[in-house]
Amino acid sequence: MSRITRFGLLPFSAVLMLAADPSWKTKPISQWNIDDAKQVLANSPWVKTAAVTILPQRSEAQMREAGRMGMVHGTGLGALDTSILTGFGGGKHLVAKPPKRLTLLVRWESAPAIRSAELKTGDERAPAWEGDYYAIAIYDVPGLEDQKTLPVELKKAAFLRRDGKKDLKPARVDLLVDEKGISVVYLFPRSGEIAREDKRVELVAQIGRMFVAQSFSTEEMQFQGQLELAAAR
């Protein structure tokens, strides 16, 4: 009997361990250790691994025509017509053909939990900016060239989507350039306030022929009962 009980308890104990909250959730940020901070940066509601859609190659004439039409404000993925999206930059800043299957790290950088975790781990790649923004970074985008006009083009081809509200356009875009590559930081004005009631916020962005649509949950991006999207004003 005891042997059956002992063997029967092991799977149940394992389930309990898997169901338990990660350690960083159970203590104040000031008490986080290095492991807590690494967990936040690797697997938390502010960090996503986004699947990238590679848009079809287009002719020069199609790209010129799309550039004249401008960016659409989508109410759904069907509204984001690829013939319009691929017009921005025409891929001229891409020096390599993107792979057929690609994922990119997307991080809600302005969340105090993320900033604290970066500070705790000494993350030298953490972006810095001036001003009051919601900041979201897409890390290590392949094939980009660091050119002056690239941030302007990327700014035109990105927005935050919230159900039932106007799309929020970035105020500016910064590039992080280091030995690992180029990362893109989108800075959205906080005048378009994001609230817990929004429930879902989706970053929609195009970088050359790469298209990203990544959702974040405001119900999950909370720490100790507070929505964590940017530092308190």
C-alpha atoms as a PDB file:
ATOM      1  CA  MET A   1       0.000   0.000   0.000  1.00  0.00           C
ATOM      2  CA  SER A   2       2.734   2.424   0.975  1.00  0.00           C
ATOM      3  CA  ARG A   3       4.556   1.720  -2.285  1.00  0.00           C
ATOM      4  CA  ILE A   4       1.463   2.472  -4.352  1.00  0.00           C
ATOM      5  CA  THR A   5       0.845   5.661  -2.378  1.00  0.00           C
ATOM      6  CA  ARG A   6       4.432   6.800  -2.782  1.00  0.00           C
ATOM      7  CA  PHE A   7       4.427   6.257  -6.536  1.00  0.00           C
ATOM      8  CA  GLY A   8       0.997   7.807  -6.865  1.00  0.00           C
ATOM      9  CA  LEU A   9       2.046  11.002  -5.120  1.00  0.00           C
ATOM     10  CA  LEU A  10       4.993  11.734  -7.390  1.00  0.00           C
ATOM     11  CA  PRO A  11       2.986  12.798 -10.459  1.00  0.00           C
ATOM     12  CA  PHE A  12       0.669  14.899  -8.290  1.00  0.00           C
ATOM     13  CA  SER A  13       3.640  16.659  -6.676  1.00  0.00           C
ATOM     14  CA  ALA A  14       5.076  17.345 -10.097  1.00  0.00           C
ATOM     15  CA  VAL A  15       1.781  18.899 -11.171  1.00  0.00           C
ATOM     16  CA  LEU A  16       1.796  21.145  -8.113  1.00  0.00           C
ATOM     17  CA  MET A  17       5.330  22.301  -8.904  1.00  0.00           C
ATOM     18  CA  LEU A  18       4.403  23.090 -12.499  1.00  0.00           C
ATOM     19  CA  ALA A  19       1.294  24.964 -11.399  1.00  0.00           C
ATOM     20  CA  ALA A  20       3.141  27.137  -8.882  1.00  0.00           C
ATOM     21  CA  ASP A  21       3.832  30.746  -9.767  1.00  0.00           C
ATOM     22  CA  PRO A  22       7.422  31.597 -10.702  1.00  0.00           C
ATOM     23  CA  SER A  23       9.406  32.986  -7.792  1.00  0.00           C
ATOM     24  CA  TRP A  24       9.501  36.567  -9.098  1.00  0.00           C
ATOM     25  CA  LYS A  25       5.721  36.834  -8.808  1.00  0.00           C
ATOM     26  CA  THR A  26       5.729  36.137  -5.086  1.00  0.00           C
ATOM     27  CA  LYS A  27       8.054  38.888  -3.851  1.00  0.00           C
ATOM     28  CA  PRO A  28       8.652  42.626  -4.317  1.00  0.00           C
ATOM     29  CA  ILE A  29      10.916  43.712  -7.159  1.00  0.00           C
ATOM     30  CA  SER A  30      13.455  44.980  -4.623  1.00  0.00           C
ATOM     31  CA  GLN A  31      13.886  41.373  -3.429  1.00  0.00           C
ATOM     32  CA  TRP A  32      14.417  39.809  -6.835  1.00  0.00           C
ATOM     33  CA  ASN A  33      17.647  37.902  -7.320  1.00  0.00           C
ATOM     34  CA  ILE A  34      19.464  37.246 -10.601  1.00  0.00           C
ATOM     35  CA  ASP A  35      17.445  34.106 -11.313  1.00  0.00           C
ATOM     36  CA  ASP A  36      14.180  35.988 -10.819  1.00  0.00           C
ATOM     37  CA  ALA A  37      15.300  38.714 -13.207  1.00  0.00           C
ATOM     38  CA  LYS A  38      16.392  36.183 -15.819  1.00  0.00           C
ATOM     39  CA  GLN A  39      12.992  34.493 -15.593  1.00  0.00           C
ATOM     40  CA  VAL A  40      11.229  37.808 -16.229  1.00  0.00           C
ATOM     41  CA  LEU A  41      13.359  38.531 -19.298  1.00  0.00           C
ATOM     42  CA  ALA A  42      12.995  35.021 -20.678  1.00  0.00           C
ATOM     43  CA  ASN A  43       9.388  34.079 -19.932  1.00  0.00           C
ATOM     44  CA  SER A  44       6.914  36.625 -18.608  1.00  0.00           C
ATOM     45  CA  PRO A  45       3.796  38.407 -19.914  1.00  0.00           C
ATOM     46  CA  TRP A  46       5.948  41.272 -21.260  1.00  0.00           C
ATOM     47  CA  VAL A  47       8.121  38.988 -23.392  1.00  0.00           C
ATOM     48  CA  LYS A  48       6.946  37.214 -26.538  1.00  0.00           C
ATOM     49  CA  THR A  49       8.400  35.121 -29.320  1.00  0.00           C
ATOM     50  CA  ALA A  50       6.683  36.412 -32.444  1.00  0.00           C
ATOM     51  CA  ALA A  51       6.217  34.393 -35.594  1.00  0.00           C
ATOM     52  CA  VAL A  52       7.183  36.422 -38.650  1.00  0.00           C
ATOM     53  CA  THR A  53       5.286  36.346 -41.930  1.00  0.00           C
ATOM     54  CA  ILE A  54       7.463  36.851 -45.009  1.00  0.00           C
ATOM     55  CA  LEU A  55       5.580  38.952 -47.536  1.00  0.00           C
ATOM     56  CA  PRO A  56       5.960  38.308 -51.271  1.00  0.00           C
ATOM     57  CA  GLN A  57       8.552  40.074 -53.379  1.00  0.00           C
ATOM     58  CA  ARG A  58       7.139  42.903 -55.470  1.00  0.00           C
ATOM     59  CA  SER A  59       8.145  44.798 -58.561  1.00  0.00           C
ATOM     60  CA  GLU A  60       9.551  48.326 -58.444  1.00  0.00           C
ATOM     61  CA  ALA A  61       6.367  49.706 -60.043  1.00  0.00           C
ATOM     62  CA  GLN A  62       4.180  48.015 -57.406  1.00  0.00           C
ATOM     63  CA  MET A  63       6.310  49.414 -54.617  1.00  0.00           C
ATOM     64  CA  ARG A  64       6.094  52.958 -55.992  1.00  0.00           C
ATOM     65  CA  GLU A  65       2.319  52.653 -56.279  1.00  0.00           C
ATOM     66  CA  ALA A  66       2.013  51.298 -52.732  1.00  0.00           C
ATOM     67  CA  GLY A  67       4.163  54.121 -51.407  1.00  0.00           C
ATOM     68  CA  ARG A  68       1.782  56.684 -52.893  1.00  0.00           C
ATOM     69  CA  MET A  69      -1.219  54.953 -51.297  1.00  0.00           C
ATOM     70  CA  GLY A  70       0.181  55.065 -47.772  1.00  0.00           C
ATOM     71  CA  MET A  71      -0.338  52.869 -44.699  1.00  0.00           C
ATOM     72  CA  VAL A  72      -3.757  51.425 -43.973  1.00  0.00           C
ATOM     73  CA  HIS A  73      -5.252  51.507 -40.495  1.00  0.00           C
ATOM     74  CA  GLY A  74      -6.399  47.940 -40.122  1.00  0.00           C
ATOM     75  CA  THR A  75      -9.349  46.740 -38.110  1.00  0.00           C
ATOM     76  CA  GLY A  76      -8.283  43.155 -38.695  1.00  0.00           C
ATOM     77  CA  LEU A  77      -5.523  41.225 -40.384  1.00  0.00           C
ATOM     78  CA  GLY A  78      -7.539  41.147 -43.594  1.00  0.00           C
ATOM     79  CA  ALA A  79      -7.302  44.934 -43.786  1.00  0.00           C
ATOM     80  CA  LEU A  80      -3.496  44.781 -43.865  1.00  0.00           C
ATOM     81  CA  ASP A  81      -3.165  44.165 -47.568  1.00  0.00           C
ATOM     82  CA  THR A  82       0.327  42.963 -48.423  1.00  0.00           C
ATOM     83  CA  SER A  83       0.427  45.037 -51.604  1.00  0.00           C
ATOM     84  CA  ILE A  84       0.291  48.156 -49.421  1.00  0.00           C
ATOM     85  CA  LEU A  85       2.464  46.997 -46.561  1.00  0.00           C
ATOM     86  CA  THR A  86       5.377  45.967 -48.732  1.00  0.00           C
ATOM     87  CA  GLY A  87       5.641  49.455 -50.187  1.00  0.00           C
ATOM     88  CA  PHE A  88       7.459  50.917 -47.194  1.00  0.00           C
ATOM     89  CA  GLY A  89      11.146  50.884 -47.902  1.00  0.00           C
ATOM     90  CA  GLY A  90      10.626  48.413 -50.722  1.00  0.00           C
ATOM     91  CA  GLY A  91      13.108  46.173 -48.961  1.00  0.00           C
ATOM     92  CA  LYS A  92      15.953  48.514 -49.886  1.00  0.00           C
ATOM     93  CA  HIS A  93      17.324  48.339 -46.331  1.00  0.00           C
ATOM     94  CA  LEU A  94      17.309  44.560 -46.371  1.00  0.00           C
ATOM     95  CA  VAL A  95      20.620  43.133 -47.486  1.00  0.00           C
ATOM     96  CA  ALA A  96      19.694  39.463 -47.157  1.00  0.00           C
ATOM     97  CA  LYS A  97      16.715  37.373 -48.157  1.00  0.00           C
ATOM     98  CA  PRO A  98      14.682  36.596 -45.010  1.00  0.00           C
ATOM     99  CA  PRO A  99      14.344  32.921 -44.091  1.00  0.00           C
ATOM    100  CA  LYS A 100      11.086  31.090 -44.747  1.00  0.00           C
ATOM    101  CA  ARG A 101      10.573  30.445 -41.033  1.00  0.00           C
ATOM    102  CA  LEU A 102      11.552  33.113 -38.563  1.00  0.00           C
ATOM    103  CA  THR A 103      10.739  34.118 -34.996  1.00  0.00           C
ATOM    104  CA  LEU A 104      11.819  37.321 -33.253  1.00  0.00           C
ATOM    105  CA  LEU A 105      11.974  38.325 -29.600  1.00  0.00           C
ATOM    106  CA  VAL A 106       9.478  41.098 -28.785  1.00  0.00           C
ATOM    107  CA  ARG A 107       9.719  42.803 -25.371  1.00  0.00           C
ATOM    108  CA  TRP A 108       7.567  45.484 -23.739  1.00  0.00           C
ATOM    109  CA  GLU A 109      10.576  47.515 -22.643  1.00  0.00           C
ATOM    110  CA  SER A 110       8.873  50.323 -20.718  1.00  0.00           C
ATOM    111  CA  ALA A 111       7.307  47.956 -18.163  1.00  0.00           C
ATOM    112  CA  PRO A 112       8.960  48.619 -14.766  1.00  0.00           C
ATOM    113  CA  ALA A 113       9.319  44.858 -14.242  1.00  0.00           C
ATOM    114  CA  ILE A 114      11.366  44.578 -17.437  1.00  0.00           C
ATOM    115  CA  ARG A 115      13.502  47.638 -16.670  1.00  0.00           C
ATOM    116  CA  SER A 116      14.219  46.315 -13.176  1.00  0.00           C
ATOM    117  CA  ALA A 117      15.115  42.868 -14.508  1.00  0.00           C
ATOM    118  CA  GLU A 118      17.477  44.405 -17.069  1.00  0.00           C
ATOM    119  CA  LEU A 119      19.145  46.447 -14.350  1.00  0.00           C
ATOM    120  CA  LYS A 120      19.472  43.424 -12.073  1.00  0.00           C
ATOM    121  CA  THR A 121      21.064  41.279 -14.791  1.00  0.00           C
ATOM    122  CA  GLY A 122      23.254  44.095 -16.124  1.00  0.00           C
ATOM    123  CA  ASP A 123      21.746  43.741 -19.585  1.00  0.00           C
ATOM    124  CA  GLU A 124      23.949  45.961 -21.745  1.00  0.00           C
ATOM    125  CA  ARG A 125      21.565  45.681 -24.690  1.00  0.00           C
ATOM    126  CA  ALA A 126      18.644  47.266 -22.833  1.00  0.00           C
ATOM    127  CA  PRO A 127      17.423  50.292 -24.816  1.00  0.00           C
ATOM    128  CA  ALA A 128      17.432  53.802 -23.395  1.00  0.00           C
ATOM    129  CA  TRP A 129      15.236  56.691 -24.496  1.00  0.00           C
ATOM    130  CA  GLU A 130      14.127  60.141 -23.413  1.00  0.00           C
ATOM    131  CA  GLY A 131      10.471  61.007 -22.948  1.00  0.00           C
ATOM    132  CA  ASP A 132       7.280  59.419 -21.668  1.00  0.00           C
ATOM    133  CA  TYR A 133       6.474  56.465 -23.934  1.00  0.00           C
ATOM    134  CA  TYR A 134       5.273  52.910 -24.141  1.00  0.00           C
ATOM    135  CA  ALA A 135       8.381  51.249 -25.553  1.00  0.00           C
ATOM    136  CA  ILE A 136       8.368  47.911 -27.376  1.00  0.00           C
ATOM    137  CA  ALA A 137      11.504  46.378 -28.887  1.00  0.00           C
ATOM    138  CA  ILE A 138      11.927  43.750 -31.592  1.00  0.00           C
ATOM    139  CA  TYR A 139      15.367  42.220 -31.150  1.00  0.00           C
ATOM    140  CA  ASP A 140      17.967  41.104 -33.701  1.00  0.00           C
ATOM    141  CA  VAL A 141      16.074  41.716 -36.924  1.00  0.00           C
ATOM    142  CA  PRO A 142      18.032  39.969 -39.688  1.00  0.00           C
ATOM    143  CA  GLY A 143      19.287  41.640 -42.850  1.00  0.00           C
ATOM    144  CA  LEU A 144      18.840  45.297 -41.863  1.00  0.00           C
ATOM    145  CA  GLU A 145      21.173  48.118 -42.825  1.00  0.00           C
ATOM    146  CA  ASP A 146      21.639  51.018 -40.422  1.00  0.00           C
ATOM    147  CA  GLN A 147      20.559  53.959 -42.604  1.00  0.00           C
ATOM    148  CA  LYS A 148      19.175  57.347 -41.597  1.00  0.00           C
ATOM    149  CA  THR A 149      15.858  56.930 -43.401  1.00  0.00           C
ATOM    150  CA  LEU A 150      15.087  53.489 -41.946  1.00  0.00           C
ATOM    151  CA  PRO A 151      13.506  54.699 -38.647  1.00  0.00           C
ATOM    152  CA  VAL A 152      11.167  56.994 -40.601  1.00  0.00           C
ATOM    153  CA  GLU A 153      10.012  54.137 -42.819  1.00  0.00           C
ATOM    154  CA  LEU A 154       9.536  51.788 -39.870  1.00  0.00           C
ATOM    155  CA  LYS A 155       7.532  54.433 -38.017  1.00  0.00           C
ATOM    156  CA  LYS A 156       5.061  54.622 -40.917  1.00  0.00           C
ATOM    157  CA  ALA A 157       4.589  50.857 -40.995  1.00  0.00           C
ATOM    158  CA  ALA A 158       3.707  50.141 -37.355  1.00  0.00           C
ATOM    159  CA  PHE A 159       0.909  50.683 -34.851  1.00  0.00           C
ATOM    160  CA  LEU A 160      -0.668  49.351 -31.663  1.00  0.00           C
ATOM    161  CA  ARG A 161      -4.150  47.937 -32.134  1.00  0.00           C
ATOM    162  CA  ARG A 162      -6.786  47.918 -29.392  1.00  0.00           C
ATOM    163  CA  ASP A 163     -10.285  46.581 -29.870  1.00  0.00           C
ATOM    164  CA  GLY A 164     -12.807  49.376 -30.331  1.00  0.00           C
ATOM    165  CA  LYS A 165     -10.204  52.160 -30.210  1.00  0.00           C
ATOM    166  CA  LYS A 166      -8.163  54.113 -32.700  1.00  0.00           C
ATOM    167  CA  ASP A 167      -4.830  52.590 -33.630  1.00  0.00           C
ATOM    168  CA  LEU A 168      -1.909  54.125 -31.748  1.00  0.00           C
ATOM    169  CA  LYS A 169       0.947  55.180 -34.035  1.00  0.00           C
ATOM    170  CA  PRO A 170       4.550  55.395 -32.798  1.00  0.00           C
ATOM    171  CA  ALA A 171       5.937  58.858 -32.068  1.00  0.00           C
ATOM    172  CA  ARG A 172       9.331  57.643 -33.227  1.00  0.00           C
ATOM    173  CA  VAL A 173      11.459  54.572 -33.834  1.00  0.00           C
ATOM    174  CA  ASP A 174      14.995  54.014 -32.527  1.00  0.00           C
ATOM    175  CA  LEU A 175      17.565  51.500 -33.732  1.00  0.00           C
ATOM    176  CA  LEU A 176      19.884  49.561 -31.428  1.00  0.00           C
ATOM    177  CA  VAL A 177      23.016  48.542 -33.277  1.00  0.00           C
ATOM    178  CA  ASP A 178      25.595  46.178 -31.752  1.00  0.00           C
ATOM    179  CA  GLU A 179      27.703  43.178 -32.656  1.00  0.00           C
ATOM    180  CA  LYS A 180      24.644  40.888 -32.555  1.00  0.00           C
ATOM    181  CA  GLY A 181      22.749  42.930 -35.129  1.00  0.00           C
ATOM    182  CA  ILE A 182      20.059  45.600 -35.255  1.00  0.00           C
ATOM    183  CA  SER A 183      17.047  45.796 -32.947  1.00  0.00           C
ATOM    184  CA  VAL A 184      14.072  48.092 -33.466  1.00  0.00           C
ATOM    185  CA  VAL A 185      12.482  50.073 -30.606  1.00  0.00           C
ATOM    186  CA  TYR A 186       8.997  51.503 -31.161  1.00  0.00           C
ATOM    187  CA  LEU A 187       8.057  54.440 -28.906  1.00  0.00           C
ATOM    188  CA  PHE A 188       4.322  55.068 -28.576  1.00  0.00           C
ATOM    189  CA  PRO A 189       2.912  58.227 -26.926  1.00  0.00           C
ATOM    190  CA  ARG A 190       1.220  57.646 -23.584  1.00  0.00           C
ATOM    191  CA  SER A 191      -1.391  60.232 -24.458  1.00  0.00           C
ATOM    192  CA  GLY A 192      -3.174  57.252 -26.017  1.00  0.00           C
ATOM    193  CA  GLU A 193      -3.555  55.563 -22.636  1.00  0.00           C
ATOM    194  CA  ILE A 194      -3.679  51.791 -22.491  1.00  0.00           C
ATOM    195  CA  ALA A 195      -5.889  50.496 -19.690  1.00  0.00           C
ATOM    196  CA  ARG A 196      -6.567  47.128 -18.118  1.00  0.00           C
ATOM    197  CA  GLU A 197     -10.004  47.207 -19.735  1.00  0.00           C
ATOM    198  CA  ASP A 198      -8.400  47.068 -23.192  1.00  0.00           C
ATOM    199  CA  LYS A 199      -7.608  43.403 -22.437  1.00  0.00           C
ATOM    200  CA  ARG A 200      -5.603  42.891 -25.640  1.00  0.00           C
ATOM    201  CA  VAL A 201      -2.996  45.124 -27.258  1.00  0.00           C
ATOM    202  CA  GLU A 202      -1.428  44.042 -30.529  1.00  0.00           C
ATOM    203  CA  LEU A 203       1.807  45.335 -32.011  1.00  0.00           C
ATOM    204  CA  VAL A 204       1.561  45.363 -35.795  1.00  0.00           C
ATOM    205  CA  ALA A 205       4.774  46.138 -37.651  1.00  0.00           C
ATOM    206  CA  GLN A 206       6.440  45.634 -40.976  1.00  0.00           C
ATOM    207  CA  ILE A 207      10.184  45.631 -41.463  1.00  0.00           C
ATOM    208  CA  GLY A 208      11.049  45.263 -45.133  1.00  0.00           C
ATOM    209  CA  ARG A 209       9.269  42.077 -46.195  1.00  0.00           C
ATOM    210  CA  MET A 210       8.877  40.861 -42.607  1.00  0.00           C
ATOM    211  CA  PHE A 211       5.459  41.277 -41.014  1.00  0.00           C
ATOM    212  CA  VAL A 212       4.830  40.909 -37.257  1.00  0.00           C
ATOM    213  CA  ALA A 213       1.507  40.919 -35.406  1.00  0.00           C
ATOM    214  CA  GLN A 214       2.072  40.131 -31.710  1.00  0.00           C
ATOM    215  CA  SER A 215      -0.568  40.389 -28.988  1.00  0.00           C
ATOM    216  CA  PHE A 216      -0.091  41.265 -25.311  1.00  0.00           C
ATOM    217  CA  SER A 217      -2.679  40.756 -22.581  1.00  0.00           C
ATOM    218  CA  THR A 218      -3.275  43.612 -20.139  1.00  0.00           C
ATOM    219  CA  GLU A 219      -4.837  41.119 -17.737  1.00  0.00           C
ATOM    220  CA  GLU A 220      -1.532  39.231 -17.629  1.00  0.00           C
ATOM    221  CA  MET A 221       0.845  42.227 -17.704  1.00  0.00           C
ATOM    222  CA  GLN A 222       0.214  42.978 -14.043  1.00  0.00           C
ATOM    223  CA  PHE A 223       2.442  42.764 -11.015  1.00  0.00           C
ATOM    224  CA  GLN A 224       1.019  42.701  -7.502  1.00  0.00           C
ATOM    225  CA  GLY A 225      -2.318  44.005  -8.737  1.00  0.00           C
ATOM    226  CA  GLN A 226      -0.962  46.874 -10.856  1.00  0.00           C
ATOM    227  CA  LEU A 227      -0.893  47.103 -14.646  1.00  0.00           C
ATOM    228  CA  GLU A 228       2.793  47.295 -15.632  1.00  0.00           C
ATOM    229  CA  LEU A 229       3.250  49.018 -18.990  1.00  0.00           C
ATOM    230  CA  ALA A 230       5.342  52.087 -18.109  1.00  0.00           C
ATOM    231  CA  ALA A 231       6.732  53.898 -15.086  1.00  0.00           C
ATOM    232  CA  ALA A 232       4.243  55.817 -12.945  1.00  0.00           C
ATOM    233  CA  ARG A 233       3.935  59.486 -13.823  1.00  0.00           C
END
